[in-house]
Amino acid sequence: ILLLQSAGPLFVAIWSLILLKVRLTLAQALGIAVSMVGVMVILLKGDLTALAGIDINVGDIIFITAMAVFGFYSALSQKRPQIHGLSFLAFTFGCGALLLTPLLVWELLTRPLAQINAANLGSIAYVAVFPSVLAYLCFNRGIALIGANRAAPFFHLIPVFGSAMAIVFLGERPHLYHAVGYALVLAGVIVAARKPKTQPQ
């Protein structure tokens, strides 16, 4: 999933070109490419030949579709109305909840309700506050400040933080490929996020 998620900046760039006629600069394209290689180094544990053995299934296609929709949202967010960030977030989350309601009803009718306990409620609260509200507030603000094409490559930091936390909290052994991947991702993000000298037409 994280490997497919690394394609997010590409979808943002495509939609920015289609909707807003905003092209990637050479530096942004190079930065995205370098950071994507870094993501692959981390997730494939330094063995890029493992890409040849990856099978595409229905779940992957659904996730790629979701990334395309995310790219559309990110690009179009540059034209959002001048309202408070929380108001915009409440509107978009509300629309998302409405779209998910039929799937919720279907799942409740076809699967038993998960056990409600403190651990599950804590997980829901964590997802609601940090990866959802706070993350999207920061991301939307980033888009407002520097544009979607420069903000999107920061998503390549997700596997960096994920693997680093696995090393710190789960006792995973650090390897050379971690350092190489981290360096490539950071270098790529820095290059892609730099302010262009001239705005591409």
N, C-alpha and C. Protein backbone atom coordinates (compact mmCIF):
# COMPACT_ATOMS: atom_id res chain seq x y z
N ILE A 1 0.83 -1.20 0.00
CA ILE A 1 0.00 0.00 0.00
C ILE A 1 0.87 1.26 0.00
N LEU A 2 1.90 1.27 0.86
CA LEU A 2 2.77 2.45 0.92
C LEU A 2 3.49 2.67 -0.40
N LEU A 3 3.81 1.57 -1.10
CA LEU A 3 4.47 1.69 -2.39
C LEU A 3 3.55 2.38 -3.39
N LEU A 4 2.28 1.97 -3.39
CA LEU A 4 1.30 2.61 -4.27
C LEU A 4 1.05 4.06 -3.85
N GLN A 5 1.09 4.30 -2.54
CA GLN A 5 0.86 5.65 -2.03
C GLN A 5 1.92 6.63 -2.52
N SER A 6 3.11 6.10 -2.82
CA SER A 6 4.18 6.98 -3.28
C SER A 6 3.87 7.61 -4.63
N ALA A 7 2.86 7.07 -5.34
CA ALA A 7 2.45 7.66 -6.62
C ALA A 7 1.57 8.89 -6.43
N GLY A 8 1.21 9.20 -5.19
CA GLY A 8 0.34 10.34 -4.91
C GLY A 8 0.79 11.64 -5.55
N PRO A 9 2.07 12.04 -5.40
CA PRO A 9 2.51 13.30 -6.01
C PRO A 9 2.36 13.31 -7.53
N LEU A 10 2.45 12.15 -8.17
CA LEU A 10 2.28 12.09 -9.62
C LEU A 10 0.84 12.43 -10.00
N PHE A 11 -0.12 11.87 -9.25
CA PHE A 11 -1.52 12.18 -9.52
C PHE A 11 -1.82 13.66 -9.26
N VAL A 12 -1.21 14.21 -8.22
CA VAL A 12 -1.39 15.64 -7.93
C VAL A 12 -0.88 16.47 -9.10
N ALA A 13 0.30 16.09 -9.63
CA ALA A 13 0.88 16.83 -10.75
C ALA A 13 0.01 16.73 -11.99
N ILE A 14 -0.53 15.54 -12.26
CA ILE A 14 -1.39 15.35 -13.43
C ILE A 14 -2.66 16.20 -13.33
N TRP A 15 -3.30 16.16 -12.16
CA TRP A 15 -4.54 16.94 -11.98
C TRP A 15 -4.26 18.44 -11.99
N SER A 16 -3.11 18.85 -11.44
CA SER A 16 -2.76 20.28 -11.45
C SER A 16 -2.59 20.77 -12.89
N LEU A 17 -2.03 19.90 -13.73
CA LEU A 17 -1.86 20.26 -15.14
C LEU A 17 -3.21 20.32 -15.86
N ILE A 18 -4.06 19.33 -15.61
CA ILE A 18 -5.36 19.26 -16.29
C ILE A 18 -6.29 20.38 -15.83
N LEU A 19 -6.39 20.58 -14.52
CA LEU A 19 -7.37 21.51 -13.97
C LEU A 19 -6.90 22.96 -13.96
N LEU A 20 -5.61 23.14 -13.65
CA LEU A 20 -5.11 24.50 -13.41
C LEU A 20 -4.02 24.93 -14.38
N LYS A 21 -3.63 24.04 -15.29
CA LYS A 21 -2.57 24.32 -16.26
C LYS A 21 -1.24 24.66 -15.58
N VAL A 22 -1.01 24.05 -14.41
CA VAL A 22 0.23 24.26 -13.67
C VAL A 22 1.14 23.06 -13.91
N ARG A 23 2.30 23.31 -14.51
CA ARG A 23 3.23 22.23 -14.81
C ARG A 23 4.28 22.10 -13.70
N LEU A 24 4.78 20.89 -13.55
CA LEU A 24 5.92 20.67 -12.67
C LEU A 24 7.14 21.37 -13.23
N THR A 25 7.95 21.94 -12.36
CA THR A 25 9.26 22.41 -12.81
C THR A 25 10.19 21.21 -12.92
N LEU A 26 11.31 21.39 -13.57
CA LEU A 26 12.28 20.30 -13.70
C LEU A 26 12.76 19.84 -12.33
N ALA A 27 12.98 20.81 -11.43
CA ALA A 27 13.44 20.47 -10.08
C ALA A 27 12.39 19.67 -9.32
N GLN A 28 11.12 20.04 -9.47
CA GLN A 28 10.05 19.31 -8.79
C GLN A 28 9.94 17.88 -9.31
N ALA A 29 10.02 17.72 -10.63
CA ALA A 29 9.96 16.38 -11.22
C ALA A 29 11.14 15.53 -10.76
N LEU A 30 12.33 16.12 -10.74
CA LEU A 30 13.51 15.40 -10.30
C LEU A 30 13.39 15.03 -8.83
N GLY A 31 12.93 15.98 -8.00
CA GLY A 31 12.78 15.71 -6.57
C GLY A 31 11.80 14.60 -6.29
N ILE A 32 10.66 14.60 -7.00
CA ILE A 32 9.66 13.54 -6.82
C ILE A 32 10.24 12.19 -7.21
N ALA A 33 10.98 12.16 -8.33
CA ALA A 33 11.58 10.90 -8.79
C ALA A 33 12.58 10.36 -7.77
N VAL A 34 13.43 11.24 -7.25
CA VAL A 34 14.44 10.81 -6.28
C VAL A 34 13.79 10.31 -4.99
N SER A 35 12.79 11.04 -4.50
CA SER A 35 12.14 10.62 -3.25
C SER A 35 11.34 9.33 -3.45
N MET A 36 10.79 9.12 -4.65
CA MET A 36 10.09 7.86 -4.93
C MET A 36 11.05 6.68 -4.90
N VAL A 37 12.24 6.88 -5.44
CA VAL A 37 13.27 5.83 -5.37
C VAL A 37 13.61 5.55 -3.91
N GLY A 38 13.71 6.59 -3.11
CA GLY A 38 13.98 6.41 -1.68
C GLY A 38 12.91 5.60 -0.99
N VAL A 39 11.63 5.88 -1.32
CA VAL A 39 10.52 5.11 -0.76
C VAL A 39 10.65 3.64 -1.14
N MET A 40 10.98 3.37 -2.41
CA MET A 40 11.12 1.98 -2.86
C MET A 40 12.28 1.29 -2.16
N VAL A 41 13.37 2.01 -1.95
CA VAL A 41 14.51 1.42 -1.24
C VAL A 41 14.11 1.00 0.17
N ILE A 42 13.34 1.85 0.86
CA ILE A 42 12.90 1.53 2.22
C ILE A 42 11.94 0.35 2.23
N LEU A 43 10.91 0.40 1.39
CA LEU A 43 9.85 -0.61 1.44
C LEU A 43 10.30 -1.96 0.88
N LEU A 44 11.23 -1.93 -0.09
CA LEU A 44 11.72 -3.18 -0.69
C LEU A 44 13.01 -3.65 -0.03
N LYS A 45 13.37 -3.00 1.07
CA LYS A 45 14.55 -3.38 1.85
C LYS A 45 15.82 -3.40 1.01
N GLY A 46 15.93 -2.42 0.14
CA GLY A 46 17.13 -2.26 -0.66
C GLY A 46 17.19 -3.11 -1.91
N ASP A 47 16.23 -3.98 -2.11
CA ASP A 47 16.23 -4.88 -3.27
C ASP A 47 15.20 -4.40 -4.28
N LEU A 48 15.60 -3.51 -5.19
CA LEU A 48 14.67 -2.96 -6.15
C LEU A 48 14.21 -3.99 -7.18
N THR A 49 14.96 -5.10 -7.31
CA THR A 49 14.53 -6.16 -8.23
C THR A 49 13.24 -6.83 -7.76
N ALA A 50 12.90 -6.64 -6.48
CA ALA A 50 11.67 -7.23 -5.96
C ALA A 50 10.43 -6.64 -6.62
N LEU A 51 10.59 -5.49 -7.30
CA LEU A 51 9.46 -4.89 -8.01
C LEU A 51 8.89 -5.84 -9.06
N ALA A 52 9.78 -6.66 -9.65
CA ALA A 52 9.35 -7.57 -10.71
C ALA A 52 8.41 -8.65 -10.18
N GLY A 53 8.48 -8.92 -8.88
CA GLY A 53 7.65 -9.99 -8.31
C GLY A 53 6.35 -9.51 -7.69
N ILE A 54 6.05 -8.22 -7.84
CA ILE A 54 4.83 -7.67 -7.24
C ILE A 54 3.63 -7.95 -8.14
N ASP A 55 2.58 -8.52 -7.57
CA ASP A 55 1.35 -8.79 -8.31
C ASP A 55 0.32 -7.70 -8.02
N ILE A 56 -0.40 -7.30 -9.05
CA ILE A 56 -1.46 -6.31 -8.91
C ILE A 56 -2.79 -7.03 -8.74
N ASN A 57 -3.51 -6.72 -7.65
CA ASN A 57 -4.81 -7.34 -7.42
C ASN A 57 -5.91 -6.27 -7.37
N VAL A 58 -7.13 -6.71 -7.11
CA VAL A 58 -8.27 -5.79 -7.10
C VAL A 58 -8.09 -4.70 -6.05
N GLY A 59 -7.57 -5.08 -4.88
CA GLY A 59 -7.35 -4.09 -3.83
C GLY A 59 -6.38 -3.01 -4.26
N ASP A 60 -5.34 -3.39 -5.01
CA ASP A 60 -4.38 -2.40 -5.50
C ASP A 60 -5.05 -1.42 -6.46
N ILE A 61 -5.91 -1.94 -7.33
CA ILE A 61 -6.61 -1.08 -8.29
C ILE A 61 -7.52 -0.09 -7.56
N ILE A 62 -8.19 -0.58 -6.52
CA ILE A 62 -9.05 0.31 -5.72
C ILE A 62 -8.21 1.40 -5.06
N PHE A 63 -7.04 1.01 -4.54
CA PHE A 63 -6.19 1.99 -3.86
C PHE A 63 -5.63 3.01 -4.85
N ILE A 64 -5.26 2.56 -6.05
CA ILE A 64 -4.77 3.48 -7.07
C ILE A 64 -5.87 4.48 -7.45
N THR A 65 -7.10 3.98 -7.54
CA THR A 65 -8.23 4.86 -7.82
C THR A 65 -8.39 5.90 -6.71
N ALA A 66 -8.22 5.44 -5.46
CA ALA A 66 -8.30 6.37 -4.32
C ALA A 66 -7.20 7.43 -4.40
N MET A 67 -6.00 7.03 -4.83
CA MET A 67 -4.92 8.00 -4.95
C MET A 67 -5.20 9.01 -6.05
N ALA A 68 -5.86 8.56 -7.13
CA ALA A 68 -6.24 9.49 -8.20
C ALA A 68 -7.25 10.51 -7.68
N VAL A 69 -8.20 10.05 -6.86
CA VAL A 69 -9.19 10.96 -6.26
C VAL A 69 -8.49 11.92 -5.30
N PHE A 70 -7.53 11.40 -4.53
CA PHE A 70 -6.77 12.25 -3.61
C PHE A 70 -6.01 13.33 -4.39
N GLY A 71 -5.43 12.95 -5.53
CA GLY A 71 -4.72 13.92 -6.36
C GLY A 71 -5.65 15.01 -6.86
N PHE A 72 -6.88 14.63 -7.22
CA PHE A 72 -7.90 15.59 -7.66
C PHE A 72 -8.23 16.56 -6.54
N TYR A 73 -8.43 16.01 -5.33
CA TYR A 73 -8.74 16.84 -4.16
C TYR A 73 -7.60 17.82 -3.88
N SER A 74 -6.36 17.33 -3.94
CA SER A 74 -5.21 18.17 -3.62
C SER A 74 -5.06 19.31 -4.61
N ALA A 75 -5.19 18.98 -5.89
CA ALA A 75 -5.04 20.02 -6.92
C ALA A 75 -6.16 21.05 -6.82
N LEU A 76 -7.39 20.57 -6.63
CA LEU A 76 -8.53 21.48 -6.59
C LEU A 76 -8.55 22.30 -5.30
N SER A 77 -7.86 21.82 -4.26
CA SER A 77 -7.82 22.56 -2.99
C SER A 77 -7.16 23.92 -3.15
N GLN A 78 -6.37 24.08 -4.21
CA GLN A 78 -5.73 25.37 -4.44
C GLN A 78 -6.75 26.44 -4.81
N LYS A 79 -7.96 26.02 -5.19
CA LYS A 79 -9.02 26.96 -5.57
C LYS A 79 -10.16 26.94 -4.56
N ARG A 80 -9.88 26.46 -3.35
CA ARG A 80 -10.96 26.38 -2.36
C ARG A 80 -11.40 27.77 -1.93
N PRO A 81 -12.64 27.90 -1.45
CA PRO A 81 -13.13 29.21 -1.01
C PRO A 81 -12.35 29.72 0.20
N GLN A 82 -12.31 31.02 0.35
CA GLN A 82 -11.56 31.63 1.45
C GLN A 82 -12.36 31.55 2.75
N ILE A 83 -12.40 30.35 3.31
CA ILE A 83 -13.08 30.13 4.58
C ILE A 83 -12.09 29.53 5.56
N HIS A 84 -12.46 29.48 6.82
CA HIS A 84 -11.58 28.93 7.85
C HIS A 84 -11.24 27.48 7.53
N GLY A 85 -10.02 27.10 7.87
CA GLY A 85 -9.56 25.75 7.58
C GLY A 85 -10.44 24.67 8.20
N LEU A 86 -10.91 24.90 9.42
CA LEU A 86 -11.78 23.91 10.08
C LEU A 86 -13.13 23.81 9.39
N SER A 87 -13.64 24.94 8.89
CA SER A 87 -14.91 24.92 8.17
C SER A 87 -14.78 24.12 6.88
N PHE A 88 -13.68 24.35 6.16
CA PHE A 88 -13.44 23.60 4.92
C PHE A 88 -13.29 22.11 5.21
N LEU A 89 -12.58 21.80 6.31
CA LEU A 89 -12.38 20.41 6.69
C LEU A 89 -13.70 19.75 7.07
N ALA A 90 -14.53 20.46 7.81
CA ALA A 90 -15.83 19.92 8.21
C ALA A 90 -16.69 19.62 6.98
N PHE A 91 -16.64 20.50 5.98
CA PHE A 91 -17.42 20.28 4.76
C PHE A 91 -16.92 19.05 4.00
N THR A 92 -15.59 18.97 3.80
CA THR A 92 -15.05 17.84 3.03
C THR A 92 -15.23 16.52 3.78
N PHE A 93 -15.04 16.53 5.10
CA PHE A 93 -15.25 15.31 5.88
C PHE A 93 -16.72 14.90 5.85
N GLY A 94 -17.61 15.90 5.90
CA GLY A 94 -19.04 15.60 5.84
C GLY A 94 -19.42 14.95 4.51
N CYS A 95 -18.87 15.48 3.41
CA CYS A 95 -19.13 14.88 2.10
C CYS A 95 -18.59 13.45 2.05
N GLY A 96 -17.40 13.26 2.61
CA GLY A 96 -16.83 11.92 2.64
C GLY A 96 -17.67 10.95 3.45
N ALA A 97 -18.19 11.42 4.59
CA ALA A 97 -19.03 10.57 5.43
C ALA A 97 -20.31 10.17 4.70
N LEU A 98 -20.90 11.11 3.95
CA LEU A 98 -22.11 10.79 3.19
C LEU A 98 -21.83 9.74 2.12
N LEU A 99 -20.70 9.87 1.45
CA LEU A 99 -20.35 8.90 0.41
C LEU A 99 -20.09 7.52 0.98
N LEU A 100 -19.59 7.47 2.21
CA LEU A 100 -19.27 6.18 2.84
C LEU A 100 -20.48 5.54 3.53
N THR A 101 -21.55 6.30 3.72
CA THR A 101 -22.71 5.77 4.43
C THR A 101 -23.28 4.49 3.82
N PRO A 102 -23.46 4.40 2.48
CA PRO A 102 -23.96 3.14 1.92
C PRO A 102 -23.06 1.94 2.23
N LEU A 103 -21.75 2.16 2.20
CA LEU A 103 -20.82 1.07 2.52
C LEU A 103 -20.92 0.69 4.00
N LEU A 104 -21.14 1.68 4.87
CA LEU A 104 -21.33 1.40 6.29
C LEU A 104 -22.56 0.54 6.50
N VAL A 105 -23.65 0.90 5.85
CA VAL A 105 -24.89 0.12 5.99
C VAL A 105 -24.68 -1.30 5.48
N TRP A 106 -24.02 -1.43 4.33
CA TRP A 106 -23.76 -2.76 3.77
C TRP A 106 -22.91 -3.61 4.72
N GLU A 107 -21.88 -3.00 5.31
CA GLU A 107 -21.02 -3.76 6.22
C GLU A 107 -21.76 -4.16 7.49
N LEU A 108 -22.59 -3.28 8.01
CA LEU A 108 -23.37 -3.61 9.21
C LEU A 108 -24.34 -4.75 8.95
N LEU A 109 -24.84 -4.84 7.71
CA LEU A 109 -25.80 -5.89 7.37
C LEU A 109 -25.14 -7.22 7.05
N THR A 110 -23.88 -7.17 6.65
CA THR A 110 -23.22 -8.40 6.20
C THR A 110 -22.16 -8.92 7.16
N ARG A 111 -21.73 -8.09 8.10
CA ARG A 111 -20.67 -8.51 9.02
C ARG A 111 -21.07 -8.16 10.45
N PRO A 112 -20.62 -8.97 11.40
CA PRO A 112 -20.92 -8.64 12.80
C PRO A 112 -20.19 -7.37 13.23
N LEU A 113 -20.82 -6.62 14.10
CA LEU A 113 -20.22 -5.39 14.60
C LEU A 113 -19.00 -5.72 15.44
N ALA A 114 -17.91 -5.00 15.20
CA ALA A 114 -16.68 -5.23 15.97
C ALA A 114 -16.93 -4.95 17.45
N GLN A 115 -16.21 -5.68 18.27
CA GLN A 115 -16.36 -5.50 19.72
C GLN A 115 -15.93 -4.10 20.12
N ILE A 116 -16.76 -3.44 20.91
CA ILE A 116 -16.45 -2.10 21.38
C ILE A 116 -15.76 -2.19 22.73
N ASN A 117 -14.51 -1.78 22.77
CA ASN A 117 -13.77 -1.77 24.02
C ASN A 117 -12.85 -0.56 24.04
N ALA A 118 -12.11 -0.41 25.13
CA ALA A 118 -11.27 0.77 25.29
C ALA A 118 -10.20 0.86 24.20
N ALA A 119 -9.62 -0.29 23.84
CA ALA A 119 -8.57 -0.29 22.82
C ALA A 119 -9.12 0.17 21.47
N ASN A 120 -10.28 -0.34 21.08
CA ASN A 120 -10.87 0.06 19.81
C ASN A 120 -11.26 1.54 19.80
N LEU A 121 -11.86 2.00 20.90
CA LEU A 121 -12.24 3.40 20.98
C LEU A 121 -11.01 4.31 20.95
N GLY A 122 -9.94 3.87 21.61
CA GLY A 122 -8.70 4.64 21.58
C GLY A 122 -8.11 4.72 20.18
N SER A 123 -8.18 3.60 19.45
CA SER A 123 -7.68 3.59 18.07
C SER A 123 -8.49 4.53 17.19
N ILE A 124 -9.81 4.51 17.36
CA ILE A 124 -10.68 5.39 16.58
C ILE A 124 -10.38 6.86 16.89
N ALA A 125 -10.20 7.16 18.18
CA ALA A 125 -9.90 8.53 18.58
C ALA A 125 -8.57 9.00 17.99
N TYR A 126 -7.57 8.11 18.01
CA TYR A 126 -6.25 8.46 17.45
C TYR A 126 -6.36 8.76 15.96
N VAL A 127 -7.05 7.88 15.23
CA VAL A 127 -7.20 8.07 13.78
C VAL A 127 -7.99 9.34 13.48
N ALA A 128 -9.00 9.63 14.29
CA ALA A 128 -9.83 10.81 14.05
C ALA A 128 -9.06 12.11 14.27
N VAL A 129 -8.21 12.13 15.30
CA VAL A 129 -7.53 13.37 15.67
C VAL A 129 -6.25 13.60 14.87
N PHE A 130 -5.37 12.61 14.84
CA PHE A 130 -4.03 12.84 14.28
C PHE A 130 -3.94 12.63 12.76
N PRO A 131 -4.16 11.41 12.22
CA PRO A 131 -4.05 11.24 10.77
C PRO A 131 -5.17 11.92 9.99
N SER A 132 -6.24 12.29 10.66
CA SER A 132 -7.37 12.89 9.95
C SER A 132 -7.39 14.41 10.13
N VAL A 133 -7.89 14.90 11.27
CA VAL A 133 -8.08 16.34 11.44
C VAL A 133 -6.76 17.11 11.38
N LEU A 134 -5.81 16.76 12.24
CA LEU A 134 -4.56 17.53 12.29
C LEU A 134 -3.76 17.39 11.01
N ALA A 135 -3.68 16.17 10.47
CA ALA A 135 -2.90 15.95 9.26
C ALA A 135 -3.47 16.74 8.09
N TYR A 136 -4.78 16.71 7.91
CA TYR A 136 -5.38 17.42 6.79
C TYR A 136 -5.37 18.93 6.99
N LEU A 137 -5.47 19.39 8.23
CA LEU A 137 -5.32 20.82 8.48
C LEU A 137 -3.94 21.30 8.03
N CYS A 138 -2.93 20.55 8.41
CA CYS A 138 -1.56 20.91 8.04
C CYS A 138 -1.34 20.81 6.54
N PHE A 139 -1.86 19.73 5.94
CA PHE A 139 -1.67 19.54 4.50
C PHE A 139 -2.39 20.63 3.70
N ASN A 140 -3.62 20.93 4.07
CA ASN A 140 -4.36 21.99 3.38
C ASN A 140 -3.67 23.34 3.52
N ARG A 141 -3.14 23.60 4.72
CA ARG A 141 -2.42 24.85 4.93
C ARG A 141 -1.15 24.89 4.08
N GLY A 142 -0.48 23.75 3.99
CA GLY A 142 0.71 23.67 3.15
C GLY A 142 0.40 23.96 1.69
N ILE A 143 -0.71 23.40 1.20
CA ILE A 143 -1.13 23.66 -0.18
C ILE A 143 -1.40 25.14 -0.38
N ALA A 144 -2.06 25.76 0.61
CA ALA A 144 -2.38 27.19 0.50
C ALA A 144 -1.11 28.04 0.45
N LEU A 145 -0.07 27.60 1.15
CA LEU A 145 1.16 28.40 1.24
C LEU A 145 2.10 28.18 0.06
N ILE A 146 2.26 26.91 -0.38
CA ILE A 146 3.29 26.63 -1.40
C ILE A 146 2.75 25.94 -2.64
N GLY A 147 1.47 25.59 -2.67
CA GLY A 147 0.91 24.93 -3.85
C GLY A 147 0.95 23.42 -3.72
N ALA A 148 0.07 22.76 -4.46
CA ALA A 148 -0.07 21.31 -4.33
C ALA A 148 1.15 20.55 -4.84
N ASN A 149 1.75 21.01 -5.94
CA ASN A 149 2.89 20.29 -6.50
C ASN A 149 4.10 20.28 -5.57
N ARG A 150 4.24 21.33 -4.78
CA ARG A 150 5.36 21.39 -3.83
C ARG A 150 5.02 20.73 -2.51
N ALA A 151 3.73 20.66 -2.17
CA ALA A 151 3.33 20.06 -0.90
C ALA A 151 3.22 18.54 -0.98
N ALA A 152 2.77 18.01 -2.12
CA ALA A 152 2.50 16.58 -2.25
C ALA A 152 3.70 15.68 -1.98
N PRO A 153 4.94 16.04 -2.40
CA PRO A 153 6.07 15.16 -2.14
C PRO A 153 6.33 14.88 -0.66
N PHE A 154 5.80 15.70 0.23
CA PHE A 154 5.99 15.44 1.65
C PHE A 154 5.33 14.13 2.08
N PHE A 155 4.39 13.62 1.28
CA PHE A 155 3.79 12.32 1.60
C PHE A 155 4.82 11.20 1.53
N HIS A 156 5.92 11.42 0.83
CA HIS A 156 6.97 10.40 0.78
C HIS A 156 7.68 10.25 2.12
N LEU A 157 7.41 11.18 3.05
CA LEU A 157 8.00 11.05 4.39
C LEU A 157 7.25 10.03 5.25
N ILE A 158 6.07 9.59 4.81
CA ILE A 158 5.29 8.64 5.61
C ILE A 158 6.07 7.35 5.88
N PRO A 159 6.65 6.68 4.85
CA PRO A 159 7.42 5.47 5.15
C PRO A 159 8.68 5.75 5.96
N VAL A 160 9.22 6.97 5.84
CA VAL A 160 10.39 7.33 6.64
C VAL A 160 10.02 7.34 8.12
N PHE A 161 8.95 8.06 8.46
CA PHE A 161 8.51 8.11 9.86
C PHE A 161 8.03 6.73 10.33
N GLY A 162 7.34 6.00 9.45
CA GLY A 162 6.84 4.69 9.83
C GLY A 162 7.95 3.72 10.17
N SER A 163 8.97 3.64 9.32
CA SER A 163 10.07 2.71 9.58
C SER A 163 10.91 3.18 10.76
N ALA A 164 11.08 4.50 10.91
CA ALA A 164 11.85 5.01 12.05
C ALA A 164 11.15 4.69 13.36
N MET A 165 9.82 4.81 13.40
CA MET A 165 9.08 4.47 14.62
C MET A 165 9.12 2.97 14.89
N ALA A 166 9.16 2.16 13.81
CA ALA A 166 9.28 0.71 14.00
C ALA A 166 10.62 0.37 14.64
N ILE A 167 11.66 1.10 14.25
CA ILE A 167 12.98 0.87 14.84
C ILE A 167 13.00 1.29 16.31
N VAL A 168 12.40 2.44 16.60
CA VAL A 168 12.43 2.98 17.96
C VAL A 168 11.50 2.23 18.90
N PHE A 169 10.27 1.98 18.46
CA PHE A 169 9.25 1.44 19.36
C PHE A 169 9.05 -0.07 19.26
N LEU A 170 9.35 -0.65 18.11
CA LEU A 170 9.10 -2.08 17.92
C LEU A 170 10.36 -2.92 17.88
N GLY A 171 11.50 -2.26 18.01
CA GLY A 171 12.75 -3.00 18.07
C GLY A 171 13.25 -3.53 16.75
N GLU A 172 12.75 -2.99 15.64
CA GLU A 172 13.24 -3.44 14.32
C GLU A 172 14.69 -3.00 14.15
N ARG A 173 15.50 -3.90 13.57
CA ARG A 173 16.92 -3.59 13.40
C ARG A 173 17.12 -2.60 12.26
N PRO A 174 17.90 -1.54 12.49
CA PRO A 174 18.22 -0.62 11.40
C PRO A 174 19.22 -1.25 10.44
N HIS A 175 19.06 -0.96 9.16
CA HIS A 175 19.96 -1.49 8.14
C HIS A 175 20.46 -0.34 7.26
N LEU A 176 21.43 -0.66 6.43
CA LEU A 176 21.99 0.36 5.54
C LEU A 176 20.93 0.91 4.60
N TYR A 177 20.02 0.04 4.15
CA TYR A 177 19.00 0.52 3.21
C TYR A 177 18.09 1.58 3.85
N HIS A 178 17.93 1.53 5.17
CA HIS A 178 17.17 2.58 5.84
C HIS A 178 17.84 3.94 5.63
N ALA A 179 19.14 3.99 5.89
CA ALA A 179 19.88 5.25 5.76
C ALA A 179 19.86 5.76 4.32
N VAL A 180 20.07 4.83 3.38
CA VAL A 180 20.07 5.22 1.96
C VAL A 180 18.68 5.74 1.56
N GLY A 181 17.65 5.01 1.95
CA GLY A 181 16.28 5.43 1.62
C GLY A 181 15.92 6.76 2.25
N TYR A 182 16.26 6.92 3.54
CA TYR A 182 15.98 8.19 4.22
C TYR A 182 16.65 9.36 3.50
N ALA A 183 17.92 9.17 3.13
CA ALA A 183 18.68 10.24 2.48
C ALA A 183 18.06 10.61 1.14
N LEU A 184 17.66 9.60 0.36
CA LEU A 184 17.05 9.86 -0.94
C LEU A 184 15.72 10.59 -0.80
N VAL A 185 14.89 10.13 0.15
CA VAL A 185 13.59 10.77 0.35
C VAL A 185 13.77 12.22 0.78
N LEU A 186 14.61 12.45 1.77
CA LEU A 186 14.81 13.82 2.26
C LEU A 186 15.37 14.72 1.18
N ALA A 187 16.36 14.22 0.42
CA ALA A 187 16.94 15.02 -0.66
C ALA A 187 15.88 15.35 -1.71
N GLY A 188 15.09 14.34 -2.08
CA GLY A 188 14.06 14.56 -3.08
C GLY A 188 13.00 15.55 -2.63
N VAL A 189 12.57 15.43 -1.39
CA VAL A 189 11.54 16.33 -0.87
C VAL A 189 12.07 17.76 -0.81
N ILE A 190 13.31 17.93 -0.38
CA ILE A 190 13.90 19.27 -0.30
C ILE A 190 13.97 19.91 -1.68
N VAL A 191 14.42 19.13 -2.67
CA VAL A 191 14.53 19.65 -4.04
C VAL A 191 13.15 19.99 -4.60
N ALA A 192 12.17 19.09 -4.40
CA ALA A 192 10.83 19.29 -4.95
C ALA A 192 10.09 20.45 -4.29
N ALA A 193 10.38 20.69 -3.02
CA ALA A 193 9.64 21.71 -2.27
C ALA A 193 10.25 23.10 -2.37
N ARG A 194 11.41 23.20 -3.02
CA ARG A 194 12.05 24.52 -3.15
C ARG A 194 11.20 25.43 -4.02
N LYS A 195 11.20 26.70 -3.66
CA LYS A 195 10.44 27.68 -4.44
C LYS A 195 11.11 27.89 -5.78
N PRO A 196 10.37 27.70 -6.89
CA PRO A 196 10.98 27.90 -8.21
C PRO A 196 11.33 29.37 -8.44
N LYS A 197 12.41 29.58 -9.20
CA LYS A 197 12.83 30.96 -9.48
C LYS A 197 11.80 31.68 -10.33
N THR A 198 11.21 30.95 -11.27
CA THR A 198 10.15 31.51 -12.09
C THR A 198 8.98 30.56 -12.09
N GLN A 199 7.78 31.08 -12.04
CA GLN A 199 6.57 30.26 -12.01
C GLN A 199 6.30 29.71 -13.40
N PRO A 200 6.21 28.36 -13.58
CA PRO A 200 5.92 27.81 -14.90
C PRO A 200 4.52 28.21 -15.37
N GLN A 201 4.41 28.44 -16.66
CA GLN A 201 3.11 28.83 -17.24
C GLN A 201 2.30 27.59 -17.60
